Amino acid sequence: MPLLDLGQRQHGFTSVGVMNEVARRLSMPPMRVYEVASFYTMYNRTPVGRFFVQACTTTPCQLGGCGSDAVVAAIRDELGVDQGHTTPDGLFTFIEVECLGACVNAPMVQINDDYYEDLTPETVRQLLKALRASAEDAAGKTAAPAAGPLSGRASCENSQGLTNLTSEPWGTETTRADL
């Protein structure tokens, strides 16, 4: 599996040539490699755009924040493609996926290897515009947006601030009054 990932990163997708080379290097029947590459969704069997946008549409992302349905609609509107398609300029490929494991900061998308979280329709539009600008800037002065929560949170802390563990913990000398 790591060799398939490496081949995909080098070639852009997991082609038959990549799978055959992995099979050759591991001295195993090519069919075993084909089975793995076709089973796991992390291997792209066809070329994808420079920015591979994977929108999580599992229940926590549907319920979190504005909901993943609104985020998906904004992505479709901004890119002008439906899920499973690549933009005509080849910059973006968009798909809907199952849980990516960042439920606490839902809704979220994974773009290439980066997670963008706490999304709203407006922040996802801004994100896609910024990625397009970074790709079109030949001088390299436009940086891609930083990954992580786009709500101002640093990580997965409560957006309302600290809500528990706000007082001194009970020490060994503190007991219940009714004992």
C-alpha atoms as a PDB file:
ATOM      1  CA  MET A   1       0.000   0.000   0.000  1.00  0.00           C
ATOM      2  CA  PRO A   2       2.775   2.537   0.695  1.00  0.00           C
ATOM      3  CA  LEU A   3       4.326   1.731  -2.678  1.00  0.00           C
ATOM      4  CA  LEU A   4       0.997   2.314  -4.407  1.00  0.00           C
ATOM      5  CA  ASP A   5       0.727   5.659  -2.629  1.00  0.00           C
ATOM      6  CA  LEU A   6       4.258   6.589  -3.642  1.00  0.00           C
ATOM      7  CA  GLY A   7       3.587   5.601  -7.248  1.00  0.00           C
ATOM      8  CA  GLN A   8       0.376   7.626  -7.255  1.00  0.00           C
ATOM      9  CA  ARG A   9       2.202  10.683  -5.908  1.00  0.00           C
ATOM     10  CA  GLN A  10       4.917  10.369  -8.550  1.00  0.00           C
ATOM     11  CA  HIS A  11       2.647   9.591 -11.503  1.00  0.00           C
ATOM     12  CA  GLY A  12      -0.440  11.585 -10.507  1.00  0.00           C
ATOM     13  CA  PHE A  13      -2.756   8.579 -10.278  1.00  0.00           C
ATOM     14  CA  THR A  14      -2.586   4.820  -9.800  1.00  0.00           C
ATOM     15  CA  SER A  15      -2.274   3.705 -13.401  1.00  0.00           C
ATOM     16  CA  VAL A  16      -1.913   0.109 -14.580  1.00  0.00           C
ATOM     17  CA  GLY A  17       1.775   0.888 -15.125  1.00  0.00           C
ATOM     18  CA  VAL A  18       2.150   1.961 -11.488  1.00  0.00           C
ATOM     19  CA  MET A  19       0.387  -1.184 -10.295  1.00  0.00           C
ATOM     20  CA  ASN A  20       2.528  -3.402 -12.521  1.00  0.00           C
ATOM     21  CA  GLU A  21       5.719  -1.788 -11.228  1.00  0.00           C
ATOM     22  CA  VAL A  22       4.602  -2.275  -7.616  1.00  0.00           C
ATOM     23  CA  ALA A  23       3.861  -5.938  -8.362  1.00  0.00           C
ATOM     24  CA  ARG A  24       7.271  -6.354 -10.013  1.00  0.00           C
ATOM     25  CA  ARG A  25       9.131  -4.732  -7.126  1.00  0.00           C
ATOM     26  CA  LEU A  26       7.292  -6.872  -4.565  1.00  0.00           C
ATOM     27  CA  SER A  27       7.575 -10.063  -6.647  1.00  0.00           C
ATOM     28  CA  MET A  28       3.859 -10.708  -6.446  1.00  0.00           C
ATOM     29  CA  PRO A  29       1.124 -11.390  -8.978  1.00  0.00           C
ATOM     30  CA  PRO A  30      -0.183  -8.141 -10.503  1.00  0.00           C
ATOM     31  CA  MET A  31      -3.758  -9.214  -9.740  1.00  0.00           C
ATOM     32  CA  ARG A  32      -3.066  -8.883  -5.987  1.00  0.00           C
ATOM     33  CA  VAL A  33      -1.975  -5.281  -6.505  1.00  0.00           C
ATOM     34  CA  TYR A  34      -4.991  -4.576  -8.765  1.00  0.00           C
ATOM     35  CA  GLU A  35      -7.280  -5.921  -6.025  1.00  0.00           C
ATOM     36  CA  VAL A  36      -5.847  -3.541  -3.429  1.00  0.00           C
ATOM     37  CA  ALA A  37      -5.838  -0.522  -5.740  1.00  0.00           C
ATOM     38  CA  SER A  38      -9.441  -1.089  -6.797  1.00  0.00           C
ATOM     39  CA  PHE A  39     -10.708  -1.769  -3.257  1.00  0.00           C
ATOM     40  CA  TYR A  40      -9.350   1.290  -1.419  1.00  0.00           C
ATOM     41  CA  THR A  41     -10.782   4.674  -2.378  1.00  0.00           C
ATOM     42  CA  MET A  42      -7.523   6.485  -1.618  1.00  0.00           C
ATOM     43  CA  TYR A  43      -6.084   5.218  -4.899  1.00  0.00           C
ATOM     44  CA  ASN A  44      -7.202   7.241  -7.903  1.00  0.00           C
ATOM     45  CA  ARG A  45      -7.533   5.001 -10.926  1.00  0.00           C
ATOM     46  CA  THR A  46      -7.911   7.974 -13.267  1.00  0.00           C
ATOM     47  CA  PRO A  47      -6.034  11.286 -13.335  1.00  0.00           C
ATOM     48  CA  VAL A  48      -7.228  14.012 -10.964  1.00  0.00           C
ATOM     49  CA  GLY A  49      -6.748  17.764 -11.002  1.00  0.00           C
ATOM     50  CA  ARG A  50      -3.954  19.615  -9.284  1.00  0.00           C
ATOM     51  CA  PHE A  51      -6.315  20.181  -6.355  1.00  0.00           C
ATOM     52  CA  PHE A  52      -8.224  17.034  -5.399  1.00  0.00           C
ATOM     53  CA  VAL A  53     -11.228  18.286  -3.397  1.00  0.00           C
ATOM     54  CA  GLN A  54     -12.861  15.613  -1.237  1.00  0.00           C
ATOM     55  CA  ALA A  55     -15.928  16.848   0.636  1.00  0.00           C
ATOM     56  CA  CYS A  56     -17.032  14.802   3.632  1.00  0.00           C
ATOM     57  CA  THR A  57     -20.792  14.178   3.582  1.00  0.00           C
ATOM     58  CA  THR A  58     -21.115  11.826   6.558  1.00  0.00           C
ATOM     59  CA  THR A  59     -23.605  12.636   9.337  1.00  0.00           C
ATOM     60  CA  PRO A  60     -21.344  14.800  11.582  1.00  0.00           C
ATOM     61  CA  CYS A  61     -20.458  17.001   8.613  1.00  0.00           C
ATOM     62  CA  GLN A  62     -24.102  17.150   7.546  1.00  0.00           C
ATOM     63  CA  LEU A  63     -25.088  18.296  11.035  1.00  0.00           C
ATOM     64  CA  GLY A  64     -22.063  20.443  11.950  1.00  0.00           C
ATOM     65  CA  GLY A  65     -21.989  24.184  11.356  1.00  0.00           C
ATOM     66  CA  CYS A  66     -23.890  25.076   8.184  1.00  0.00           C
ATOM     67  CA  GLY A  67     -23.919  21.444   7.055  1.00  0.00           C
ATOM     68  CA  SER A  68     -22.031  19.659   4.315  1.00  0.00           C
ATOM     69  CA  ASP A  69     -24.935  20.003   1.854  1.00  0.00           C
ATOM     70  CA  ALA A  70     -24.377  23.775   1.803  1.00  0.00           C
ATOM     71  CA  VAL A  71     -20.612  23.291   1.453  1.00  0.00           C
ATOM     72  CA  VAL A  72     -21.053  20.824  -1.419  1.00  0.00           C
ATOM     73  CA  ALA A  73     -23.460  23.203  -3.166  1.00  0.00           C
ATOM     74  CA  ALA A  74     -20.915  26.027  -2.826  1.00  0.00           C
ATOM     75  CA  ILE A  75     -18.145  23.812  -4.249  1.00  0.00           C
ATOM     76  CA  ARG A  76     -20.319  22.803  -7.207  1.00  0.00           C
ATOM     77  CA  ASP A  77     -21.281  26.418  -7.814  1.00  0.00           C
ATOM     78  CA  GLU A  78     -17.719  27.755  -7.533  1.00  0.00           C
ATOM     79  CA  LEU A  79     -16.078  25.048  -9.653  1.00  0.00           C
ATOM     80  CA  GLY A  80     -18.923  24.540 -12.100  1.00  0.00           C
ATOM     81  CA  VAL A  81     -18.640  20.745 -11.964  1.00  0.00           C
ATOM     82  CA  ASP A  82     -20.568  17.961 -10.295  1.00  0.00           C
ATOM     83  CA  GLN A  83     -18.945  15.444  -7.989  1.00  0.00           C
ATOM     84  CA  GLY A  84     -16.727  12.967  -9.792  1.00  0.00           C
ATOM     85  CA  HIS A  85     -15.620  15.498 -12.408  1.00  0.00           C
ATOM     86  CA  THR A  86     -12.607  17.681 -13.128  1.00  0.00           C
ATOM     87  CA  THR A  87     -12.781  21.339 -14.110  1.00  0.00           C
ATOM     88  CA  PRO A  88     -12.011  22.039 -17.786  1.00  0.00           C
ATOM     89  CA  ASP A  89      -8.700  23.702 -16.843  1.00  0.00           C
ATOM     90  CA  GLY A  90      -7.634  20.543 -15.000  1.00  0.00           C
ATOM     91  CA  LEU A  91      -7.058  22.378 -11.716  1.00  0.00           C
ATOM     92  CA  PHE A  92      -9.798  20.840  -9.573  1.00  0.00           C
ATOM     93  CA  THR A  93     -11.324  17.399  -9.250  1.00  0.00           C
ATOM     94  CA  PHE A  94     -14.280  17.191  -6.867  1.00  0.00           C
ATOM     95  CA  ILE A  95     -15.741  14.129  -5.143  1.00  0.00           C
ATOM     96  CA  GLU A  96     -17.911  13.455  -2.111  1.00  0.00           C
ATOM     97  CA  VAL A  97     -16.438  11.028   0.425  1.00  0.00           C
ATOM     98  CA  GLU A  98     -17.295   9.320   3.663  1.00  0.00           C
ATOM     99  CA  CYS A  99     -15.834  10.271   7.036  1.00  0.00           C
ATOM    100  CA  LEU A 100     -12.352  11.791   6.974  1.00  0.00           C
ATOM    101  CA  GLY A 101     -12.084  11.770  10.769  1.00  0.00           C
ATOM    102  CA  ALA A 102     -12.238  15.492  11.589  1.00  0.00           C
ATOM    103  CA  CYS A 103     -15.792  15.397  12.938  1.00  0.00           C
ATOM    104  CA  VAL A 104     -15.121  17.863  15.758  1.00  0.00           C
ATOM    105  CA  ASN A 105     -14.495  20.628  13.184  1.00  0.00           C
ATOM    106  CA  ALA A 106     -17.301  19.710  10.783  1.00  0.00           C
ATOM    107  CA  PRO A 107     -18.042  20.442   8.012  1.00  0.00           C
ATOM    108  CA  MET A 108     -14.708  19.887   6.336  1.00  0.00           C
ATOM    109  CA  VAL A 109     -12.977  19.025   3.075  1.00  0.00           C
ATOM    110  CA  GLN A 110      -9.673  17.409   2.282  1.00  0.00           C
ATOM    111  CA  ILE A 111      -7.740  19.031  -0.554  1.00  0.00           C
ATOM    112  CA  ASN A 112      -4.770  16.916  -1.550  1.00  0.00           C
ATOM    113  CA  ASP A 113      -3.218  16.086   1.841  1.00  0.00           C
ATOM    114  CA  ASP A 114      -4.619  19.085   3.742  1.00  0.00           C
ATOM    115  CA  TYR A 115      -7.769  19.343   5.866  1.00  0.00           C
ATOM    116  CA  TYR A 116      -9.826  22.551   5.785  1.00  0.00           C
ATOM    117  CA  GLU A 117     -12.361  22.622   8.590  1.00  0.00           C
ATOM    118  CA  ASP A 118     -15.194  24.663  10.134  1.00  0.00           C
ATOM    119  CA  LEU A 119     -16.366  25.551   6.650  1.00  0.00           C
ATOM    120  CA  THR A 120     -19.223  27.736   5.526  1.00  0.00           C
ATOM    121  CA  PRO A 121     -20.331  28.283   1.934  1.00  0.00           C
ATOM    122  CA  GLU A 122     -18.467  31.604   1.930  1.00  0.00           C
ATOM    123  CA  THR A 123     -15.197  30.242   3.381  1.00  0.00           C
ATOM    124  CA  VAL A 124     -15.141  27.315   0.952  1.00  0.00           C
ATOM    125  CA  ARG A 125     -15.644  29.719  -1.971  1.00  0.00           C
ATOM    126  CA  GLN A 126     -12.810  31.912  -0.678  1.00  0.00           C
ATOM    127  CA  LEU A 127     -10.621  28.821  -0.255  1.00  0.00           C
ATOM    128  CA  LEU A 128     -11.208  27.635  -3.821  1.00  0.00           C
ATOM    129  CA  LYS A 129     -10.594  31.128  -5.220  1.00  0.00           C
ATOM    130  CA  ALA A 130      -7.345  31.379  -3.254  1.00  0.00           C
ATOM    131  CA  LEU A 131      -6.191  27.964  -4.483  1.00  0.00           C
ATOM    132  CA  ARG A 132      -6.969  28.990  -8.076  1.00  0.00           C
ATOM    133  CA  ALA A 133      -5.054  32.248  -7.592  1.00  0.00           C
ATOM    134  CA  SER A 134      -2.063  30.386  -6.142  1.00  0.00           C
ATOM    135  CA  ALA A 135      -2.037  28.035  -9.135  1.00  0.00           C
ATOM    136  CA  GLU A 136      -2.292  30.862 -11.671  1.00  0.00           C
ATOM    137  CA  ASP A 137       0.416  33.010 -10.065  1.00  0.00           C
ATOM    138  CA  ALA A 138       3.472  32.265 -12.183  1.00  0.00           C
ATOM    139  CA  ALA A 139       5.690  34.361  -9.898  1.00  0.00           C
ATOM    140  CA  GLY A 140       4.727  32.276  -6.879  1.00  0.00           C
ATOM    141  CA  LYS A 141       3.756  35.280  -4.769  1.00  0.00           C
ATOM    142  CA  THR A 142       0.258  34.021  -3.979  1.00  0.00           C
ATOM    143  CA  ALA A 143       0.428  31.356  -1.298  1.00  0.00           C
ATOM    144  CA  ALA A 144      -2.158  28.641  -0.883  1.00  0.00           C
ATOM    145  CA  PRO A 145      -4.290  29.064   2.250  1.00  0.00           C
ATOM    146  CA  ALA A 146      -3.074  27.450   5.435  1.00  0.00           C
ATOM    147  CA  ALA A 147      -4.785  24.188   6.295  1.00  0.00           C
ATOM    148  CA  GLY A 148      -6.859  23.709   9.435  1.00  0.00           C
ATOM    149  CA  PRO A 149      -9.978  25.324  10.877  1.00  0.00           C
ATOM    150  CA  LEU A 150     -11.119  28.384   8.917  1.00  0.00           C
ATOM    151  CA  SER A 151     -13.143  29.727  11.847  1.00  0.00           C
ATOM    152  CA  GLY A 152     -10.293  31.199  13.840  1.00  0.00           C
ATOM    153  CA  ARG A 153      -9.849  28.172  16.083  1.00  0.00           C
ATOM    154  CA  ALA A 154      -6.299  26.914  16.431  1.00  0.00           C
ATOM    155  CA  SER A 155      -7.283  23.263  16.547  1.00  0.00           C
ATOM    156  CA  CYS A 156     -10.329  21.403  17.842  1.00  0.00           C
ATOM    157  CA  GLU A 157     -10.977  23.451  20.983  1.00  0.00           C
ATOM    158  CA  ASN A 158     -14.538  24.485  21.762  1.00  0.00           C
ATOM    159  CA  SER A 159     -15.495  27.515  19.683  1.00  0.00           C
ATOM    160  CA  GLN A 160     -17.182  28.991  22.799  1.00  0.00           C
ATOM    161  CA  GLY A 161     -13.971  28.819  24.823  1.00  0.00           C
ATOM    162  CA  LEU A 162     -13.165  26.668  27.835  1.00  0.00           C
ATOM    163  CA  THR A 163     -16.354  25.088  29.228  1.00  0.00           C
ATOM    164  CA  ASN A 164     -15.052  22.373  31.542  1.00  0.00           C
ATOM    165  CA  LEU A 165     -12.164  21.835  33.920  1.00  0.00           C
ATOM    166  CA  THR A 166     -12.494  25.488  34.915  1.00  0.00           C
ATOM    167  CA  SER A 167     -12.001  25.013  38.654  1.00  0.00           C
ATOM    168  CA  GLU A 168      -9.313  23.465  40.770  1.00  0.00           C
ATOM    169  CA  PRO A 169      -9.502  19.666  40.709  1.00  0.00           C
ATOM    170  CA  TRP A 170     -10.400  17.838  43.853  1.00  0.00           C
ATOM    171  CA  GLY A 171      -7.327  16.992  45.841  1.00  0.00           C
ATOM    172  CA  THR A 172      -6.827  14.004  48.090  1.00  0.00           C
ATOM    173  CA  GLU A 173      -8.128  15.991  51.077  1.00  0.00           C
ATOM    174  CA  THR A 174     -11.411  17.010  49.413  1.00  0.00           C
ATOM    175  CA  THR A 175     -14.346  14.699  50.032  1.00  0.00           C
ATOM    176  CA  ARG A 176     -18.088  14.873  49.670  1.00  0.00           C
ATOM    177  CA  ALA A 177     -19.869  16.667  52.481  1.00  0.00           C
ATOM    178  CA  ASP A 178     -22.377  13.843  53.027  1.00  0.00           C
ATOM    179  CA  LEU A 179     -19.718  11.252  53.921  1.00  0.00           C
END
